[in-house]
Amino acid sequence: MSITLDELLSVSVDDGGGSLTVDGTVSLGAGAASIGTLGANDGVDIGDVTVNNAAGASAVNIQDGGNSITIDDGGSPISIDDNGGSITVDGTVATTPGGLSTWQVSATSVDTTAGGTELAATPLANRVKMIVQNLGANNIYVKDATGVTTANGLKIPKQSSQEIELSATANIWAITDASTADVRVAEYAA
């Protein structure tokens, strides 16, 4: 069975304090539609939702009433398309990096030895990203292979860091421009 509500029709659905389940598709016409106001302890699990707002129609508004809105993708990608318009967020948006399940930090002393020092010589399985942090008093230079020099490496100034995305089998070599440097490497895996 399929029920289509036209924007000219006003329908009120009251669950009487119980629950209301829709198994299938609910189509709301091009007019305004509202779920109403939820009580302090109410929760709504809508399942798969598609909101199509016809061109020229009013904006689609989702309000949290001062609390929070959680969007769980259930392992599938979430796509938000503003269709050439704009998306405005009033407040703070907190994100959790998707796909990163494990991370580890290692410490290495880097010096001026020709060829450089390999960072994270035993890479974290399924690694996708590294952050190289130079805690030393000297600049370091990094490269994706042995043979790194101050002339061919990417400079990471003293007391700074650099994020690098790379596969689990790739690695980074480092050298200092003088003396030694305390280097920390954070590896992130999917």
N, C-alpha and C. Protein backbone atom coordinates (compact mmCIF):
# COMPACT_ATOMS: atom_id res chain seq x y z
N MET A 1 0.85 -1.17 0.00
CA MET A 1 0.00 0.00 0.00
C MET A 1 0.89 1.23 0.00
N SER A 2 0.48 2.27 -0.71
CA SER A 2 1.22 3.51 -0.78
C SER A 2 0.28 4.66 -0.46
N ILE A 3 0.75 5.59 0.37
CA ILE A 3 -0.05 6.77 0.71
C ILE A 3 0.74 7.99 0.29
N THR A 4 0.12 8.85 -0.52
CA THR A 4 0.74 10.10 -0.93
C THR A 4 -0.09 11.23 -0.36
N LEU A 5 0.58 12.15 0.33
CA LEU A 5 -0.11 13.30 0.92
C LEU A 5 0.14 14.52 0.04
N ASP A 6 -0.91 15.15 -0.41
CA ASP A 6 -0.81 16.33 -1.24
C ASP A 6 -0.73 17.55 -0.33
N GLU A 7 -0.04 18.62 -0.80
CA GLU A 7 0.11 19.81 0.04
C GLU A 7 -1.19 20.52 0.34
N LEU A 8 -2.26 20.23 -0.39
CA LEU A 8 -3.56 20.86 -0.13
C LEU A 8 -4.31 20.18 1.01
N LEU A 9 -3.81 19.03 1.45
CA LEU A 9 -4.48 18.24 2.47
C LEU A 9 -3.72 18.38 3.78
N SER A 10 -4.43 18.59 4.88
CA SER A 10 -3.79 18.68 6.19
C SER A 10 -4.11 17.39 6.94
N VAL A 11 -3.05 16.67 7.35
CA VAL A 11 -3.23 15.40 8.03
C VAL A 11 -2.47 15.44 9.34
N SER A 12 -3.11 14.99 10.42
CA SER A 12 -2.45 14.90 11.70
C SER A 12 -2.42 13.44 12.11
N VAL A 13 -1.23 12.96 12.52
CA VAL A 13 -1.09 11.58 12.95
C VAL A 13 -0.63 11.61 14.40
N ASP A 14 -1.40 11.00 15.29
CA ASP A 14 -1.08 10.96 16.72
C ASP A 14 -0.91 9.50 17.12
N ASP A 15 0.25 9.17 17.69
CA ASP A 15 0.50 7.78 18.07
C ASP A 15 -0.08 7.44 19.43
N GLY A 16 -0.70 8.40 20.12
CA GLY A 16 -1.33 8.14 21.40
C GLY A 16 -0.34 7.75 22.49
N GLY A 17 0.90 8.19 22.36
CA GLY A 17 1.91 7.86 23.36
C GLY A 17 2.65 6.58 23.08
N GLY A 18 2.29 5.89 22.01
CA GLY A 18 2.97 4.65 21.65
C GLY A 18 4.05 4.91 20.62
N SER A 19 4.10 4.08 19.58
CA SER A 19 5.07 4.29 18.52
C SER A 19 4.38 4.18 17.18
N LEU A 20 4.99 4.77 16.18
CA LEU A 20 4.45 4.79 14.84
C LEU A 20 5.54 4.28 13.91
N THR A 21 5.26 3.25 13.14
CA THR A 21 6.25 2.66 12.24
C THR A 21 5.75 2.75 10.82
N VAL A 22 6.64 3.20 9.93
CA VAL A 22 6.31 3.24 8.51
C VAL A 22 7.29 2.30 7.82
N ASP A 23 6.76 1.25 7.22
CA ASP A 23 7.59 0.31 6.49
C ASP A 23 7.37 0.56 5.01
N GLY A 24 8.29 1.24 4.40
CA GLY A 24 8.14 1.58 2.99
C GLY A 24 8.46 3.04 2.78
N THR A 25 7.75 3.67 1.86
CA THR A 25 8.04 5.04 1.47
C THR A 25 6.89 5.95 1.85
N VAL A 26 7.24 7.11 2.39
CA VAL A 26 6.26 8.14 2.64
C VAL A 26 6.59 9.29 1.71
N SER A 27 5.64 9.69 0.86
CA SER A 27 5.85 10.81 -0.06
C SER A 27 5.05 11.99 0.43
N LEU A 28 5.74 13.10 0.61
CA LEU A 28 5.05 14.33 0.98
C LEU A 28 5.10 15.23 -0.25
N GLY A 29 3.99 15.85 -0.59
CA GLY A 29 3.92 16.70 -1.77
C GLY A 29 4.91 17.84 -1.70
N ALA A 30 4.89 18.72 -2.69
CA ALA A 30 5.87 19.80 -2.79
C ALA A 30 5.62 20.90 -1.75
N GLY A 31 4.53 20.86 -1.03
CA GLY A 31 4.24 21.88 -0.02
C GLY A 31 5.02 21.63 1.25
N ALA A 32 4.77 22.45 2.26
CA ALA A 32 5.50 22.33 3.53
C ALA A 32 5.04 21.09 4.28
N ALA A 33 5.97 20.44 4.94
CA ALA A 33 5.67 19.28 5.77
C ALA A 33 6.41 19.43 7.08
N SER A 34 5.80 18.99 8.16
CA SER A 34 6.44 19.13 9.47
C SER A 34 6.20 17.87 10.28
N ILE A 35 7.25 17.44 11.01
CA ILE A 35 7.08 16.29 11.89
C ILE A 35 6.53 16.75 13.23
N GLY A 36 6.60 18.01 13.51
CA GLY A 36 6.07 18.54 14.76
C GLY A 36 7.14 18.67 15.81
N THR A 37 6.74 18.80 17.04
CA THR A 37 7.66 19.01 18.15
C THR A 37 7.76 17.74 18.97
N LEU A 38 8.98 17.35 19.30
CA LEU A 38 9.19 16.16 20.11
C LEU A 38 9.37 16.55 21.56
N GLY A 39 8.94 15.68 22.44
CA GLY A 39 9.14 15.91 23.86
C GLY A 39 10.58 15.68 24.26
N ALA A 40 10.92 15.98 25.51
CA ALA A 40 12.30 15.91 26.00
C ALA A 40 12.90 14.51 25.87
N ASN A 41 12.09 13.47 26.01
CA ASN A 41 12.63 12.11 25.98
C ASN A 41 12.25 11.34 24.72
N ASP A 42 11.68 12.05 23.74
CA ASP A 42 11.29 11.40 22.50
C ASP A 42 12.50 11.19 21.62
N GLY A 43 12.49 10.13 20.87
CA GLY A 43 13.55 9.87 19.89
C GLY A 43 12.89 9.50 18.59
N VAL A 44 13.51 9.85 17.49
CA VAL A 44 12.95 9.53 16.19
C VAL A 44 14.04 8.83 15.39
N ASP A 45 13.73 7.64 14.91
CA ASP A 45 14.61 6.94 14.00
C ASP A 45 13.87 6.86 12.69
N ILE A 46 14.26 7.69 11.74
CA ILE A 46 13.50 7.80 10.51
C ILE A 46 13.95 6.77 9.48
N GLY A 47 15.12 6.20 9.64
CA GLY A 47 15.61 5.24 8.66
C GLY A 47 16.17 5.96 7.46
N ASP A 48 15.98 5.41 6.26
CA ASP A 48 16.46 6.05 5.04
C ASP A 48 15.57 7.23 4.71
N VAL A 49 16.19 8.41 4.55
CA VAL A 49 15.42 9.62 4.30
C VAL A 49 15.98 10.34 3.08
N THR A 50 15.10 10.76 2.21
CA THR A 50 15.47 11.63 1.10
C THR A 50 14.60 12.86 1.19
N VAL A 51 15.22 14.03 1.21
CA VAL A 51 14.47 15.28 1.24
C VAL A 51 14.73 15.98 -0.07
N ASN A 52 13.71 16.08 -0.91
CA ASN A 52 13.81 16.81 -2.16
C ASN A 52 12.97 18.06 -2.01
N ASN A 53 13.60 19.20 -2.12
CA ASN A 53 12.90 20.46 -2.03
C ASN A 53 12.85 21.04 -3.43
N ALA A 54 11.64 21.16 -3.97
CA ALA A 54 11.48 21.62 -5.34
C ALA A 54 12.12 22.98 -5.54
N ALA A 55 12.63 23.21 -6.75
CA ALA A 55 13.26 24.49 -7.06
C ALA A 55 12.29 25.62 -6.78
N GLY A 56 12.78 26.65 -6.13
CA GLY A 56 11.95 27.81 -5.82
C GLY A 56 11.12 27.65 -4.57
N ALA A 57 11.13 26.45 -3.94
CA ALA A 57 10.35 26.22 -2.73
C ALA A 57 11.10 26.78 -1.53
N SER A 58 10.45 26.81 -0.40
CA SER A 58 11.08 27.29 0.83
C SER A 58 12.23 26.38 1.23
N ALA A 59 13.07 26.89 2.12
CA ALA A 59 14.22 26.13 2.59
C ALA A 59 13.79 24.94 3.42
N VAL A 60 14.64 23.92 3.45
CA VAL A 60 14.42 22.78 4.33
C VAL A 60 15.14 23.10 5.64
N ASN A 61 14.43 23.07 6.76
CA ASN A 61 15.02 23.40 8.04
C ASN A 61 15.00 22.20 8.97
N ILE A 62 16.16 21.93 9.58
CA ILE A 62 16.25 20.90 10.61
C ILE A 62 16.73 21.61 11.86
N GLN A 63 15.92 21.62 12.90
CA GLN A 63 16.26 22.33 14.12
C GLN A 63 16.42 21.35 15.26
N ASP A 64 17.43 21.59 16.10
CA ASP A 64 17.70 20.66 17.19
C ASP A 64 17.12 21.10 18.53
N GLY A 65 16.49 22.26 18.60
CA GLY A 65 15.89 22.72 19.85
C GLY A 65 16.93 22.95 20.95
N GLY A 66 18.16 23.25 20.57
CA GLY A 66 19.20 23.51 21.57
C GLY A 66 19.96 22.27 22.01
N ASN A 67 19.61 21.12 21.49
CA ASN A 67 20.30 19.89 21.86
C ASN A 67 21.29 19.52 20.77
N SER A 68 21.22 18.34 20.23
CA SER A 68 22.13 17.95 19.16
C SER A 68 21.41 17.10 18.14
N ILE A 69 21.96 17.09 16.93
CA ILE A 69 21.46 16.25 15.85
C ILE A 69 22.58 15.28 15.50
N THR A 70 22.27 14.00 15.47
CA THR A 70 23.26 12.99 15.11
C THR A 70 22.85 12.37 13.79
N ILE A 71 23.80 12.31 12.87
CA ILE A 71 23.56 11.64 11.58
C ILE A 71 24.52 10.46 11.53
N ASP A 72 23.98 9.25 11.53
CA ASP A 72 24.78 8.04 11.47
C ASP A 72 24.60 7.44 10.09
N ASP A 73 25.70 7.34 9.34
CA ASP A 73 25.60 6.86 7.97
C ASP A 73 25.48 5.35 7.86
N GLY A 74 25.60 4.63 8.97
CA GLY A 74 25.48 3.17 8.94
C GLY A 74 26.51 2.51 8.04
N GLY A 75 27.63 3.17 7.81
CA GLY A 75 28.68 2.61 6.97
C GLY A 75 28.60 3.02 5.52
N SER A 76 27.56 3.78 5.15
CA SER A 76 27.40 4.25 3.78
C SER A 76 27.76 5.73 3.72
N PRO A 77 28.15 6.22 2.54
CA PRO A 77 28.50 7.64 2.45
C PRO A 77 27.28 8.54 2.61
N ILE A 78 27.51 9.73 3.16
CA ILE A 78 26.47 10.74 3.29
C ILE A 78 26.79 11.84 2.29
N SER A 79 25.82 12.25 1.51
CA SER A 79 26.02 13.30 0.54
C SER A 79 25.06 14.45 0.84
N ILE A 80 25.61 15.66 0.92
CA ILE A 80 24.79 16.85 1.09
C ILE A 80 25.09 17.73 -0.12
N ASP A 81 24.09 17.94 -0.96
CA ASP A 81 24.26 18.72 -2.18
C ASP A 81 23.42 19.97 -2.07
N ASP A 82 24.07 21.13 -2.11
CA ASP A 82 23.33 22.39 -2.00
C ASP A 82 22.77 22.85 -3.34
N ASN A 83 22.99 22.06 -4.39
CA ASN A 83 22.44 22.31 -5.72
C ASN A 83 22.76 23.73 -6.20
N GLY A 84 23.98 24.17 -5.96
CA GLY A 84 24.38 25.49 -6.42
C GLY A 84 24.08 26.61 -5.45
N GLY A 85 23.43 26.31 -4.35
CA GLY A 85 23.11 27.33 -3.36
C GLY A 85 24.18 27.40 -2.30
N SER A 86 23.79 27.44 -1.06
CA SER A 86 24.78 27.47 0.02
C SER A 86 24.25 26.69 1.21
N ILE A 87 25.17 26.21 2.03
CA ILE A 87 24.84 25.50 3.26
C ILE A 87 25.37 26.35 4.40
N THR A 88 24.51 26.70 5.35
CA THR A 88 24.91 27.53 6.47
C THR A 88 24.79 26.73 7.75
N VAL A 89 25.85 26.77 8.56
CA VAL A 89 25.84 26.14 9.87
C VAL A 89 26.01 27.23 10.90
N ASP A 90 25.02 27.39 11.76
CA ASP A 90 25.08 28.39 12.82
C ASP A 90 25.46 27.66 14.10
N GLY A 91 26.69 27.80 14.54
CA GLY A 91 27.17 27.07 15.71
C GLY A 91 28.40 26.28 15.35
N THR A 92 28.69 25.27 16.11
CA THR A 92 29.89 24.48 15.94
C THR A 92 29.56 23.13 15.33
N VAL A 93 30.38 22.70 14.40
CA VAL A 93 30.24 21.37 13.81
C VAL A 93 31.43 20.55 14.26
N ALA A 94 31.17 19.44 14.94
CA ALA A 94 32.23 18.53 15.39
C ALA A 94 32.23 17.32 14.47
N THR A 95 33.39 16.94 13.99
CA THR A 95 33.48 15.80 13.10
C THR A 95 34.43 14.76 13.67
N THR A 96 34.16 13.53 13.34
CA THR A 96 35.05 12.43 13.69
C THR A 96 35.61 11.90 12.39
N PRO A 97 36.92 11.83 12.23
CA PRO A 97 37.48 11.35 10.97
C PRO A 97 36.93 9.97 10.62
N GLY A 98 36.34 9.87 9.45
CA GLY A 98 35.79 8.60 9.03
C GLY A 98 36.86 7.63 8.61
N GLY A 99 36.68 6.38 8.91
CA GLY A 99 37.58 5.36 8.43
C GLY A 99 38.86 5.16 9.21
N LEU A 100 39.15 5.98 10.19
CA LEU A 100 40.38 5.79 10.96
C LEU A 100 40.05 5.00 12.22
N SER A 101 40.55 3.79 12.29
CA SER A 101 40.17 2.92 13.40
C SER A 101 41.29 2.72 14.41
N THR A 102 42.54 2.95 14.02
CA THR A 102 43.67 2.68 14.89
C THR A 102 44.74 3.75 14.66
N TRP A 103 45.46 4.07 15.74
CA TRP A 103 46.61 4.95 15.57
C TRP A 103 47.66 4.64 16.61
N GLN A 104 48.91 5.00 16.31
CA GLN A 104 50.00 4.78 17.24
C GLN A 104 51.04 5.88 17.06
N VAL A 105 51.81 6.14 18.12
CA VAL A 105 52.84 7.16 18.09
C VAL A 105 54.18 6.50 18.41
N SER A 106 55.22 6.88 17.66
CA SER A 106 56.57 6.40 17.94
C SER A 106 57.52 7.59 17.98
N ALA A 107 58.62 7.44 18.72
CA ALA A 107 59.63 8.49 18.84
C ALA A 107 60.91 8.03 18.16
N THR A 108 61.57 8.95 17.45
CA THR A 108 62.81 8.65 16.75
C THR A 108 63.76 9.83 16.89
N SER A 109 65.03 9.54 17.06
CA SER A 109 66.04 10.58 17.07
C SER A 109 66.61 10.67 15.66
N VAL A 110 66.52 11.86 15.07
CA VAL A 110 67.01 12.08 13.71
C VAL A 110 68.28 12.92 13.79
N ASP A 111 69.27 12.58 12.95
CA ASP A 111 70.53 13.33 12.96
C ASP A 111 70.95 13.66 11.53
N THR A 112 72.23 13.98 11.35
CA THR A 112 72.75 14.40 10.04
C THR A 112 73.35 13.25 9.23
N THR A 113 73.12 12.02 9.65
CA THR A 113 73.67 10.86 8.94
C THR A 113 73.22 10.86 7.48
N ALA A 114 74.19 10.70 6.57
CA ALA A 114 73.90 10.68 5.13
C ALA A 114 72.81 9.66 4.81
N GLY A 115 71.88 10.04 3.98
CA GLY A 115 70.78 9.15 3.59
C GLY A 115 69.55 9.31 4.45
N GLY A 116 69.73 9.73 5.71
CA GLY A 116 68.60 9.97 6.59
C GLY A 116 68.25 8.79 7.47
N THR A 117 67.29 9.01 8.33
CA THR A 117 66.78 8.00 9.26
C THR A 117 65.36 7.65 8.86
N GLU A 118 65.06 6.36 8.78
CA GLU A 118 63.71 5.94 8.42
C GLU A 118 62.77 6.17 9.60
N LEU A 119 61.64 6.85 9.35
CA LEU A 119 60.64 7.08 10.38
C LEU A 119 59.61 5.96 10.34
N ALA A 120 59.19 5.47 11.50
CA ALA A 120 58.19 4.39 11.58
C ALA A 120 58.61 3.23 10.68
N ALA A 121 59.79 2.68 10.94
CA ALA A 121 60.35 1.61 10.11
C ALA A 121 59.45 0.39 10.02
N THR A 122 58.66 0.13 11.08
CA THR A 122 57.67 -0.94 11.05
C THR A 122 56.30 -0.26 11.01
N PRO A 123 55.75 -0.04 9.80
CA PRO A 123 54.52 0.74 9.69
C PRO A 123 53.31 0.05 10.30
N LEU A 124 52.39 0.86 10.78
CA LEU A 124 51.11 0.39 11.29
C LEU A 124 50.34 -0.25 10.13
N ALA A 125 49.78 -1.44 10.35
CA ALA A 125 49.02 -2.13 9.30
C ALA A 125 47.88 -1.24 8.80
N ASN A 126 47.67 -1.23 7.52
CA ASN A 126 46.60 -0.46 6.86
C ASN A 126 46.73 1.05 7.05
N ARG A 127 47.94 1.51 7.27
CA ARG A 127 48.16 2.94 7.48
C ARG A 127 47.75 3.75 6.27
N VAL A 128 47.11 4.90 6.53
CA VAL A 128 46.71 5.81 5.45
C VAL A 128 47.25 7.22 5.66
N LYS A 129 47.72 7.52 6.87
CA LYS A 129 48.15 8.88 7.15
C LYS A 129 49.20 8.89 8.25
N MET A 130 50.12 9.87 8.17
CA MET A 130 51.13 10.08 9.20
C MET A 130 51.16 11.56 9.56
N ILE A 131 51.46 11.84 10.80
CA ILE A 131 51.79 13.20 11.20
C ILE A 131 53.20 13.13 11.76
N VAL A 132 54.09 13.92 11.16
CA VAL A 132 55.48 13.97 11.61
C VAL A 132 55.63 15.26 12.41
N GLN A 133 55.99 15.12 13.68
CA GLN A 133 56.14 16.26 14.58
C GLN A 133 57.61 16.43 14.95
N ASN A 134 58.15 17.61 14.69
CA ASN A 134 59.54 17.92 15.00
C ASN A 134 59.59 18.66 16.34
N LEU A 135 59.94 17.94 17.40
CA LEU A 135 60.05 18.54 18.73
C LEU A 135 61.45 19.09 18.99
N GLY A 136 62.36 18.90 18.04
CA GLY A 136 63.75 19.28 18.23
C GLY A 136 64.01 20.76 18.07
N ALA A 137 65.27 21.14 18.33
CA ALA A 137 65.72 22.53 18.21
C ALA A 137 66.28 22.81 16.82
N ASN A 138 66.25 21.80 15.93
CA ASN A 138 66.77 21.95 14.57
C ASN A 138 65.70 21.58 13.56
N ASN A 139 65.79 22.15 12.36
CA ASN A 139 64.88 21.81 11.28
C ASN A 139 65.15 20.38 10.82
N ILE A 140 64.11 19.71 10.34
CA ILE A 140 64.31 18.41 9.70
C ILE A 140 63.78 18.50 8.28
N TYR A 141 64.24 17.56 7.45
CA TYR A 141 63.82 17.48 6.06
C TYR A 141 63.40 16.04 5.80
N VAL A 142 62.25 15.85 5.15
CA VAL A 142 61.73 14.51 4.92
C VAL A 142 61.55 14.24 3.43
N LYS A 143 61.63 12.96 3.09
CA LYS A 143 61.47 12.51 1.70
C LYS A 143 60.92 11.08 1.73
N ASP A 144 60.33 10.65 0.62
CA ASP A 144 59.72 9.31 0.55
C ASP A 144 60.72 8.20 0.27
N ALA A 145 62.02 8.49 0.35
CA ALA A 145 63.02 7.45 0.08
C ALA A 145 64.32 7.81 0.78
N THR A 146 65.17 6.81 0.96
CA THR A 146 66.49 7.08 1.50
C THR A 146 67.22 8.03 0.55
N GLY A 147 68.20 8.74 1.06
CA GLY A 147 68.90 9.72 0.23
C GLY A 147 68.39 11.13 0.45
N VAL A 148 67.58 11.32 1.49
CA VAL A 148 67.07 12.65 1.78
C VAL A 148 68.22 13.56 2.21
N THR A 149 68.17 14.80 1.73
CA THR A 149 69.16 15.82 2.10
C THR A 149 68.41 17.12 2.41
N THR A 150 69.12 18.10 2.91
CA THR A 150 68.49 19.41 3.16
C THR A 150 68.15 20.09 1.84
N ALA A 151 68.73 19.63 0.74
CA ALA A 151 68.47 20.22 -0.57
C ALA A 151 67.29 19.58 -1.30
N ASN A 152 66.94 18.30 -1.00
CA ASN A 152 65.86 17.64 -1.74
C ASN A 152 64.67 17.23 -0.88
N GLY A 153 64.72 17.51 0.43
CA GLY A 153 63.64 17.10 1.31
C GLY A 153 62.65 18.21 1.60
N LEU A 154 61.48 17.83 2.08
CA LEU A 154 60.45 18.77 2.52
C LEU A 154 60.81 19.24 3.92
N LYS A 155 60.94 20.54 4.11
CA LYS A 155 61.37 21.09 5.41
C LYS A 155 60.22 21.09 6.41
N ILE A 156 60.50 20.52 7.59
CA ILE A 156 59.58 20.63 8.72
C ILE A 156 60.35 21.42 9.79
N PRO A 157 60.02 22.71 9.94
CA PRO A 157 60.76 23.55 10.87
C PRO A 157 60.71 23.02 12.30
N LYS A 158 61.70 23.42 13.10
CA LYS A 158 61.73 23.02 14.51
C LYS A 158 60.43 23.45 15.18
N GLN A 159 59.96 22.60 16.10
CA GLN A 159 58.74 22.85 16.88
C GLN A 159 57.49 22.98 16.00
N SER A 160 57.42 22.19 14.93
CA SER A 160 56.23 22.18 14.07
C SER A 160 55.94 20.76 13.59
N SER A 161 54.87 20.59 12.82
CA SER A 161 54.52 19.26 12.34
C SER A 161 53.98 19.33 10.92
N GLN A 162 53.90 18.16 10.29
CA GLN A 162 53.40 18.05 8.93
C GLN A 162 52.57 16.78 8.81
N GLU A 163 51.37 16.90 8.25
CA GLU A 163 50.51 15.73 8.00
C GLU A 163 50.78 15.22 6.60
N ILE A 164 50.93 13.90 6.47
CA ILE A 164 51.25 13.29 5.18
C ILE A 164 50.35 12.07 4.98
N GLU A 165 49.62 12.03 3.85
CA GLU A 165 48.81 10.87 3.52
C GLU A 165 49.63 9.94 2.64
N LEU A 166 49.68 8.67 3.00
CA LEU A 166 50.47 7.71 2.24
C LEU A 166 50.00 6.30 2.54
N SER A 167 50.39 5.38 1.68
CA SER A 167 49.98 3.99 1.87
C SER A 167 50.78 3.34 2.99
N ALA A 168 50.33 2.18 3.39
CA ALA A 168 50.99 1.45 4.48
C ALA A 168 52.37 0.97 4.08
N THR A 169 52.62 0.81 2.80
CA THR A 169 53.92 0.30 2.36
C THR A 169 54.93 1.40 2.09
N ALA A 170 54.47 2.64 1.93
CA ALA A 170 55.38 3.77 1.71
C ALA A 170 55.98 4.19 3.05
N ASN A 171 57.11 4.87 2.99
CA ASN A 171 57.69 5.34 4.24
C ASN A 171 58.39 6.66 4.03
N ILE A 172 58.80 7.27 5.13
CA ILE A 172 59.40 8.59 5.14
C ILE A 172 60.79 8.50 5.78
N TRP A 173 61.75 9.20 5.19
CA TRP A 173 63.11 9.29 5.71
C TRP A 173 63.36 10.73 6.10
N ALA A 174 64.13 10.96 7.16
CA ALA A 174 64.36 12.31 7.66
C ALA A 174 65.83 12.54 7.98
N ILE A 175 66.23 13.81 7.88
CA ILE A 175 67.58 14.24 8.24
C ILE A 175 67.48 15.64 8.85
N THR A 176 68.40 15.99 9.74
CA THR A 176 68.42 17.34 10.32
C THR A 176 69.43 18.20 9.59
N ASP A 177 69.29 19.52 9.79
CA ASP A 177 70.27 20.43 9.21
C ASP A 177 71.46 20.65 10.15
N ALA A 178 71.33 20.18 11.42
CA ALA A 178 72.43 20.28 12.39
C ALA A 178 72.11 19.41 13.59
N SER A 179 73.11 18.79 14.16
CA SER A 179 72.99 18.02 15.40
C SER A 179 71.91 16.95 15.31
N THR A 180 70.96 16.96 16.26
CA THR A 180 69.88 15.96 16.28
C THR A 180 68.53 16.63 16.49
N ALA A 181 67.47 15.85 16.27
CA ALA A 181 66.11 16.34 16.51
C ALA A 181 65.27 15.20 17.05
N ASP A 182 64.43 15.51 18.03
CA ASP A 182 63.47 14.56 18.59
C ASP A 182 62.23 14.60 17.71
N VAL A 183 61.93 13.50 17.03
CA VAL A 183 60.82 13.45 16.08
C VAL A 183 59.80 12.43 16.55
N ARG A 184 58.54 12.82 16.54
CA ARG A 184 57.43 11.92 16.86
C ARG A 184 56.63 11.68 15.58
N VAL A 185 56.20 10.44 15.42
CA VAL A 185 55.41 10.07 14.25
C VAL A 185 54.12 9.43 14.73
N ALA A 186 52.99 10.03 14.34
CA ALA A 186 51.67 9.44 14.60
C ALA A 186 51.20 8.80 13.30
N GLU A 187 50.86 7.50 13.38
CA GLU A 187 50.37 6.79 12.21
C GLU A 187 48.89 6.45 12.42
N TYR A 188 48.08 6.64 11.39
CA TYR A 188 46.65 6.38 11.45
C TYR A 188 46.28 5.33 10.42
N ALA A 189 45.47 4.34 10.85
CA ALA A 189 45.10 3.25 9.96
C ALA A 189 43.59 3.20 9.77
N ALA A 190 43.18 2.69 8.62
CA ALA A 190 41.76 2.54 8.30
C ALA A 190 41.24 1.25 8.88
